[in-house]
Structure formats: C-alpha cells, structure tokens
Amino acid sequence: MVPMPSEKSESRPYHHGDLRSALLASAERTLREKGAGALSLRELARDIGVSHAAPGRHFKDKQALLNALALAGYERLTRALTAVDDPALPLEPRLVALARAYLGFATENAELLELMFARKHDPDAAEEMAAAVDRTAGALERIIAHAQKRGEIIEGDPAHLTLVVGATLQGTATFAANDRLGTQTTLDGVPQLVHLMLHGLKPR
C-alpha cells in the first residue's frame, strides 16, 4: 500500500537519518539566515518533513533546542582548537595556531557563536554548559598558566589574562563579522595580533 503523505513525512527522517541531527542542522540554517528569534520547533518540523509533535521527542521546548545547538557549537569549536594545538610548540606559534582556528570558527559561525555565549549562563543547562566552556576557555587558561610557570609571560591571575586574550580575539572576530575587516585579512593578521598581545605596544 502506498503510504499517505503524513505517514511518509513522519517516517522519513527515521529511515534516512537521525531526527535530532536533522533538527539541529535545520535550526543552524535558520539561525544563520534569520536569527534565533525565528527558530520554532513547529517550523523546523515542517522544514524537514515530520509531524509538528516529532521534535518533542528530543527537545521539550525551544530553550532546550537552543541549548543543544549551543553545545553542538562548543563541541565543534573544541575539535577545531584541539586539531591545531601542539603543546610542543613555543607559546607564540602555539597561540597563533589557536587564534587562527578560533577566528576561523568565529567568522564562519558568527550567529552560532553569539548563541553559544548567550546560552552559557542558562541555569537549565548549567552543568553541561560549564563543561563545554571549560573545554575551550578553560583549555586556554591552562595553556596560559603553564606558560607562566615556564616564564614565557607575566605573572598574574591566569583567568584574567585569559579574559584579555579572549576579548581581543572576540573583538577581532566581531570586526570581521561586521565587515570592518575581511576574513582573509583577519586570518593573515593573526601572527601580528598575537605578537602584540604577548609583547605589547611599547617600543623596545
């Protein structure tokens, strides 16, 4: 018997792939094109061809979807940073590689990164978000603390120094996202940016 359209649309994602992944992929497309305010579980269900109730099997509401989207973003960012990090490198080239990876992610995923920052304070996902943030910002703080022990950078609170580095990178990413800087110009300028962060502007 030929399935009715409603039966076909209900079963398609389960036959061809994972519904949760399909919902997140559709949500990220909407985020890029229209912003977080346009996200709707009902609209996502329509977009991928399932019943309006189907997303509820994975996300109890829009907030749960946003948290999952942010966590997936943190996972991707962690993979990008881990792929380029080489603890054997001296600090400056190590930070150049990490900064390039971060700025590459930030310029390609500006809307997602904004969501990641916004959701990290959500009490409903506090534990998961804290762990996700620690895999990114926490890893950078540990690199800075280790560099302090080796005498490569100044003494001080590693968390504060990490904040300074992070703010510099994010400010640069924002300029690139707002067309104040081109993406390639941003990436090409990373070595100088890191050099200035490490050595300052004072003539030597």
C-alpha atoms as a PDB file:
ATOM      1  CA  MET A   1       0.000   0.000   0.000  1.00  0.00           C
ATOM      2  CA  VAL A   2       1.332   3.454  -0.888  1.00  0.00           C
ATOM      3  CA  PRO A   3       1.822   5.439   2.355  1.00  0.00           C
ATOM      4  CA  MET A   4      -0.238   8.541   2.887  1.00  0.00           C
ATOM      5  CA  PRO A   5       1.776  11.800   2.829  1.00  0.00           C
ATOM      6  CA  SER A   6       1.537  12.212   6.591  1.00  0.00           C
ATOM      7  CA  GLU A   7       2.877   8.696   7.149  1.00  0.00           C
ATOM      8  CA  LYS A   8       5.695   9.238   4.702  1.00  0.00           C
ATOM      9  CA  SER A   9       6.770  12.557   6.222  1.00  0.00           C
ATOM     10  CA  GLU A  10       6.577  11.122   9.735  1.00  0.00           C
ATOM     11  CA  SER A  11       8.869   8.206   8.942  1.00  0.00           C
ATOM     12  CA  ARG A  12      11.327   9.767   6.505  1.00  0.00           C
ATOM     13  CA  PRO A  13      13.913  11.104   8.998  1.00  0.00           C
ATOM     14  CA  TYR A  14      13.958   7.824  10.919  1.00  0.00           C
ATOM     15  CA  HIS A  15      14.541   5.882   7.727  1.00  0.00           C
ATOM     16  CA  HIS A  16      17.164   8.195   6.263  1.00  0.00           C
ATOM     17  CA  GLY A  17      18.958   9.518   9.304  1.00  0.00           C
ATOM     18  CA  ASP A  18      18.872  10.812  12.822  1.00  0.00           C
ATOM     19  CA  LEU A  19      15.990  13.172  13.596  1.00  0.00           C
ATOM     20  CA  ARG A  20      17.866  15.013  16.310  1.00  0.00           C
ATOM     21  CA  SER A  21      20.784  15.766  13.969  1.00  0.00           C
ATOM     22  CA  ALA A  22      18.371  16.829  11.228  1.00  0.00           C
ATOM     23  CA  LEU A  23      16.627  19.224  13.607  1.00  0.00           C
ATOM     24  CA  LEU A  24      19.918  20.756  14.742  1.00  0.00           C
ATOM     25  CA  ALA A  25      21.137  21.153  11.153  1.00  0.00           C
ATOM     26  CA  SER A  26      17.875  22.838  10.160  1.00  0.00           C
ATOM     27  CA  ALA A  27      17.998  25.027  13.277  1.00  0.00           C
ATOM     28  CA  GLU A  28      21.511  26.194  12.435  1.00  0.00           C
ATOM     29  CA  ARG A  29      20.460  27.094   8.898  1.00  0.00           C
ATOM     30  CA  THR A  30      17.593  29.160  10.300  1.00  0.00           C
ATOM     31  CA  LEU A  31      19.939  30.765  12.825  1.00  0.00           C
ATOM     32  CA  ARG A  32      22.331  31.826  10.061  1.00  0.00           C
ATOM     33  CA  GLU A  33      19.616  33.140   7.760  1.00  0.00           C
ATOM     34  CA  LYS A  34      17.053  34.650  10.134  1.00  0.00           C
ATOM     35  CA  GLY A  35      18.443  34.707  13.680  1.00  0.00           C
ATOM     36  CA  ALA A  36      17.499  32.926  16.900  1.00  0.00           C
ATOM     37  CA  GLY A  37      14.165  34.730  17.134  1.00  0.00           C
ATOM     38  CA  ALA A  38      12.926  32.912  14.036  1.00  0.00           C
ATOM     39  CA  LEU A  39      13.580  29.444  15.459  1.00  0.00           C
ATOM     40  CA  SER A  40      10.454  27.378  16.061  1.00  0.00           C
ATOM     41  CA  LEU A  41      10.133  23.654  16.682  1.00  0.00           C
ATOM     42  CA  ARG A  42       6.983  23.593  14.559  1.00  0.00           C
ATOM     43  CA  GLU A  43       8.723  25.339  11.656  1.00  0.00           C
ATOM     44  CA  LEU A  44      11.724  23.024  11.931  1.00  0.00           C
ATOM     45  CA  ALA A  45       9.397  20.019  11.822  1.00  0.00           C
ATOM     46  CA  ARG A  46       7.817  21.381   8.661  1.00  0.00           C
ATOM     47  CA  ASP A  47      11.238  22.088   7.166  1.00  0.00           C
ATOM     48  CA  ILE A  48      12.491  18.508   7.500  1.00  0.00           C
ATOM     49  CA  GLY A  49       9.133  16.863   6.845  1.00  0.00           C
ATOM     50  CA  VAL A  50       7.979  15.395  10.155  1.00  0.00           C
ATOM     51  CA  SER A  51       4.880  15.921  12.262  1.00  0.00           C
ATOM     52  CA  HIS A  52       4.844  19.003  14.469  1.00  0.00           C
ATOM     53  CA  ALA A  53       4.969  16.745  17.533  1.00  0.00           C
ATOM     54  CA  ALA A  54       8.072  14.805  16.436  1.00  0.00           C
ATOM     55  CA  PRO A  55      10.709  17.322  17.673  1.00  0.00           C
ATOM     56  CA  GLY A  56       9.277  16.964  21.181  1.00  0.00           C
ATOM     57  CA  ARG A  57      10.863  13.529  21.363  1.00  0.00           C
ATOM     58  CA  HIS A  58      14.262  15.236  21.505  1.00  0.00           C
ATOM     59  CA  PHE A  59      13.636  18.814  22.699  1.00  0.00           C
ATOM     60  CA  LYS A  60      10.979  19.668  25.253  1.00  0.00           C
ATOM     61  CA  ASP A  61      10.850  23.298  24.086  1.00  0.00           C
ATOM     62  CA  LYS A  62      12.698  25.959  22.136  1.00  0.00           C
ATOM     63  CA  GLN A  63      15.073  26.645  25.033  1.00  0.00           C
ATOM     64  CA  ALA A  64      16.193  23.014  25.045  1.00  0.00           C
ATOM     65  CA  LEU A  65      16.804  23.257  21.296  1.00  0.00           C
ATOM     66  CA  LEU A  66      18.878  26.422  21.736  1.00  0.00           C
ATOM     67  CA  ASN A  67      20.944  24.765  24.463  1.00  0.00           C
ATOM     68  CA  ALA A  68      21.582  21.732  22.283  1.00  0.00           C
ATOM     69  CA  LEU A  69      22.572  23.963  19.384  1.00  0.00           C
ATOM     70  CA  ALA A  70      24.987  25.893  21.606  1.00  0.00           C
ATOM     71  CA  LEU A  71      26.503  22.690  22.999  1.00  0.00           C
ATOM     72  CA  ALA A  72      26.995  21.337  19.477  1.00  0.00           C
ATOM     73  CA  GLY A  73      28.764  24.599  18.641  1.00  0.00           C
ATOM     74  CA  TYR A  74      31.092  24.218  21.607  1.00  0.00           C
ATOM     75  CA  GLU A  75      31.876  20.656  20.534  1.00  0.00           C
ATOM     76  CA  ARG A  76      32.817  21.842  17.043  1.00  0.00           C
ATOM     77  CA  LEU A  77      34.919  24.679  18.409  1.00  0.00           C
ATOM     78  CA  THR A  78      36.718  22.289  20.758  1.00  0.00           C
ATOM     79  CA  ARG A  79      37.510  19.960  17.859  1.00  0.00           C
ATOM     80  CA  ALA A  80      38.823  22.880  15.794  1.00  0.00           C
ATOM     81  CA  LEU A  81      41.107  24.068  18.601  1.00  0.00           C
ATOM     82  CA  THR A  82      42.285  20.584  19.544  1.00  0.00           C
ATOM     83  CA  ALA A  83      43.172  19.787  15.935  1.00  0.00           C
ATOM     84  CA  VAL A  84      45.723  22.613  15.742  1.00  0.00           C
ATOM     85  CA  ASP A  85      47.106  22.667  19.283  1.00  0.00           C
ATOM     86  CA  ASP A  86      50.656  21.412  19.677  1.00  0.00           C
ATOM     87  CA  PRO A  87      51.948  21.586  23.273  1.00  0.00           C
ATOM     88  CA  ALA A  88      55.487  21.101  21.994  1.00  0.00           C
ATOM     89  CA  LEU A  89      55.464  24.492  20.260  1.00  0.00           C
ATOM     90  CA  PRO A  90      56.749  27.664  21.942  1.00  0.00           C
ATOM     91  CA  LEU A  91      53.933  29.841  23.220  1.00  0.00           C
ATOM     92  CA  GLU A  92      53.797  32.386  20.390  1.00  0.00           C
ATOM     93  CA  PRO A  93      53.372  29.977  17.447  1.00  0.00           C
ATOM     94  CA  ARG A  94      51.083  27.854  19.588  1.00  0.00           C
ATOM     95  CA  LEU A  95      48.821  30.840  20.245  1.00  0.00           C
ATOM     96  CA  VAL A  96      48.954  31.828  16.571  1.00  0.00           C
ATOM     97  CA  ALA A  97      47.610  28.408  15.586  1.00  0.00           C
ATOM     98  CA  LEU A  98      44.893  28.521  18.246  1.00  0.00           C
ATOM     99  CA  ALA A  99      43.919  32.116  17.382  1.00  0.00           C
ATOM    100  CA  ARG A 100      43.645  31.271  13.673  1.00  0.00           C
ATOM    101  CA  ALA A 101      41.413  28.295  14.475  1.00  0.00           C
ATOM    102  CA  TYR A 102      39.217  30.356  16.789  1.00  0.00           C
ATOM    103  CA  LEU A 103      38.887  33.278  14.390  1.00  0.00           C
ATOM    104  CA  GLY A 104      38.172  30.901  11.521  1.00  0.00           C
ATOM    105  CA  PHE A 105      35.329  29.354  13.520  1.00  0.00           C
ATOM    106  CA  ALA A 106      34.095  32.746  14.739  1.00  0.00           C
ATOM    107  CA  THR A 107      33.932  34.348  11.297  1.00  0.00           C
ATOM    108  CA  GLU A 108      32.255  31.336   9.706  1.00  0.00           C
ATOM    109  CA  ASN A 109      29.781  30.840  12.561  1.00  0.00           C
ATOM    110  CA  ALA A 110      29.119  34.329  13.914  1.00  0.00           C
ATOM    111  CA  GLU A 111      25.449  33.729  14.739  1.00  0.00           C
ATOM    112  CA  LEU A 112      26.167  30.373  16.347  1.00  0.00           C
ATOM    113  CA  LEU A 113      28.979  31.834  18.455  1.00  0.00           C
ATOM    114  CA  GLU A 114      26.679  34.601  19.670  1.00  0.00           C
ATOM    115  CA  LEU A 115      24.167  31.939  20.704  1.00  0.00           C
ATOM    116  CA  MET A 116      26.904  29.964  22.455  1.00  0.00           C
ATOM    117  CA  PHE A 117      27.824  32.987  24.552  1.00  0.00           C
ATOM    118  CA  ALA A 118      24.180  33.741  25.316  1.00  0.00           C
ATOM    119  CA  ARG A 119      23.281  30.206  26.404  1.00  0.00           C
ATOM    120  CA  LYS A 120      26.299  29.544  28.616  1.00  0.00           C
ATOM    121  CA  HIS A 121      24.538  31.242  31.539  1.00  0.00           C
ATOM    122  CA  ASP A 122      21.271  29.309  31.189  1.00  0.00           C
ATOM    123  CA  PRO A 123      20.575  27.621  34.565  1.00  0.00           C
ATOM    124  CA  ASP A 124      18.696  24.786  32.840  1.00  0.00           C
ATOM    125  CA  ALA A 125      21.925  23.580  31.242  1.00  0.00           C
ATOM    126  CA  ALA A 126      24.452  24.991  33.690  1.00  0.00           C
ATOM    127  CA  GLU A 127      26.484  21.816  34.216  1.00  0.00           C
ATOM    128  CA  GLU A 128      26.729  20.896  30.535  1.00  0.00           C
ATOM    129  CA  MET A 129      27.499  24.458  29.503  1.00  0.00           C
ATOM    130  CA  ALA A 130      30.166  24.834  32.182  1.00  0.00           C
ATOM    131  CA  ALA A 131      31.884  21.679  30.934  1.00  0.00           C
ATOM    132  CA  ALA A 132      31.651  22.875  27.323  1.00  0.00           C
ATOM    133  CA  VAL A 133      33.101  26.296  28.178  1.00  0.00           C
ATOM    134  CA  ASP A 134      35.917  24.642  30.143  1.00  0.00           C
ATOM    135  CA  ARG A 135      36.915  22.647  27.069  1.00  0.00           C
ATOM    136  CA  THR A 136      37.520  25.932  25.229  1.00  0.00           C
ATOM    137  CA  ALA A 137      38.238  28.886  27.522  1.00  0.00           C
ATOM    138  CA  GLY A 138      39.427  26.557  30.266  1.00  0.00           C
ATOM    139  CA  ALA A 139      41.941  24.962  27.942  1.00  0.00           C
ATOM    140  CA  LEU A 140      43.334  28.387  27.007  1.00  0.00           C
ATOM    141  CA  GLU A 141      43.603  29.339  30.673  1.00  0.00           C
ATOM    142  CA  ARG A 142      45.594  26.175  31.369  1.00  0.00           C
ATOM    143  CA  ILE A 143      47.922  26.984  28.454  1.00  0.00           C
ATOM    144  CA  ILE A 144      48.492  30.471  29.866  1.00  0.00           C
ATOM    145  CA  ALA A 145      49.082  29.128  33.381  1.00  0.00           C
ATOM    146  CA  HIS A 146      51.629  26.657  32.014  1.00  0.00           C
ATOM    147  CA  ALA A 147      53.370  29.435  30.075  1.00  0.00           C
ATOM    148  CA  GLN A 148      53.598  31.466  33.283  1.00  0.00           C
ATOM    149  CA  LYS A 149      55.355  28.577  35.007  1.00  0.00           C
ATOM    150  CA  ARG A 150      57.857  28.454  32.150  1.00  0.00           C
ATOM    151  CA  GLY A 151      58.448  32.204  32.408  1.00  0.00           C
ATOM    152  CA  GLU A 152      57.077  32.919  28.923  1.00  0.00           C
ATOM    153  CA  ILE A 153      54.535  35.524  30.051  1.00  0.00           C
ATOM    154  CA  ILE A 154      53.962  37.798  33.024  1.00  0.00           C
ATOM    155  CA  GLU A 155      52.712  36.661  36.386  1.00  0.00           C
ATOM    156  CA  GLY A 156      49.111  37.304  37.358  1.00  0.00           C
ATOM    157  CA  ASP A 157      45.733  35.656  37.536  1.00  0.00           C
ATOM    158  CA  PRO A 158      45.526  33.212  34.572  1.00  0.00           C
ATOM    159  CA  ALA A 159      41.749  33.724  34.414  1.00  0.00           C
ATOM    160  CA  HIS A 160      42.196  37.475  33.961  1.00  0.00           C
ATOM    161  CA  LEU A 161      44.882  37.037  31.302  1.00  0.00           C
ATOM    162  CA  THR A 162      42.655  34.545  29.506  1.00  0.00           C
ATOM    163  CA  LEU A 163      39.838  37.098  29.553  1.00  0.00           C
ATOM    164  CA  VAL A 164      42.127  39.693  27.969  1.00  0.00           C
ATOM    165  CA  VAL A 165      43.210  37.282  25.234  1.00  0.00           C
ATOM    166  CA  GLY A 166      39.634  36.124  24.653  1.00  0.00           C
ATOM    167  CA  ALA A 167      38.303  39.680  24.480  1.00  0.00           C
ATOM    168  CA  THR A 168      40.983  40.600  21.945  1.00  0.00           C
ATOM    169  CA  LEU A 169      40.159  37.627  19.749  1.00  0.00           C
ATOM    170  CA  GLN A 170      36.419  38.131  20.014  1.00  0.00           C
ATOM    171  CA  GLY A 171      36.727  41.828  19.247  1.00  0.00           C
ATOM    172  CA  THR A 172      38.718  40.969  16.135  1.00  0.00           C
ATOM    173  CA  ALA A 173      36.107  38.370  15.161  1.00  0.00           C
ATOM    174  CA  THR A 174      33.325  40.935  15.601  1.00  0.00           C
ATOM    175  CA  PHE A 175      35.128  43.397  13.332  1.00  0.00           C
ATOM    176  CA  ALA A 176      35.450  40.668  10.708  1.00  0.00           C
ATOM    177  CA  ALA A 177      31.796  39.634  11.033  1.00  0.00           C
ATOM    178  CA  ASN A 178      30.682  43.265  10.632  1.00  0.00           C
ATOM    179  CA  ASP A 179      32.865  43.743   7.538  1.00  0.00           C
ATOM    180  CA  ARG A 180      35.229  46.097   9.336  1.00  0.00           C
ATOM    181  CA  LEU A 181      37.904  43.552   8.427  1.00  0.00           C
ATOM    182  CA  GLY A 182      37.842  40.921   5.704  1.00  0.00           C
ATOM    183  CA  THR A 183      38.029  37.307   6.821  1.00  0.00           C
ATOM    184  CA  GLN A 184      41.302  36.677   4.999  1.00  0.00           C
ATOM    185  CA  THR A 185      42.758  39.944   6.281  1.00  0.00           C
ATOM    186  CA  THR A 186      41.802  38.874   9.798  1.00  0.00           C
ATOM    187  CA  LEU A 187      43.462  35.480   9.467  1.00  0.00           C
ATOM    188  CA  ASP A 188      46.557  36.912   7.782  1.00  0.00           C
ATOM    189  CA  GLY A 189      46.933  39.381  10.649  1.00  0.00           C
ATOM    190  CA  VAL A 190      46.898  36.749  13.404  1.00  0.00           C
ATOM    191  CA  PRO A 191      50.700  36.488  13.831  1.00  0.00           C
ATOM    192  CA  GLN A 192      50.986  40.249  14.388  1.00  0.00           C
ATOM    193  CA  LEU A 193      47.942  40.241  16.674  1.00  0.00           C
ATOM    194  CA  VAL A 194      49.419  37.509  18.864  1.00  0.00           C
ATOM    195  CA  HIS A 195      52.829  39.188  18.851  1.00  0.00           C
ATOM    196  CA  LEU A 196      51.278  42.432  20.075  1.00  0.00           C
ATOM    197  CA  MET A 197      49.307  40.603  22.770  1.00  0.00           C
ATOM    198  CA  LEU A 198      52.463  38.950  24.049  1.00  0.00           C
ATOM    199  CA  HIS A 199      54.886  41.868  23.724  1.00  0.00           C
ATOM    200  CA  GLY A 200      52.720  44.990  23.911  1.00  0.00           C
ATOM    201  CA  LEU A 201      52.935  48.284  22.057  1.00  0.00           C
ATOM    202  CA  LYS A 202      55.789  49.856  23.996  1.00  0.00           C
ATOM    203  CA  PRO A 203      58.929  50.427  21.863  1.00  0.00           C
ATOM    204  CA  ARG A 204      61.729  48.032  22.688  1.00  0.00           C
END
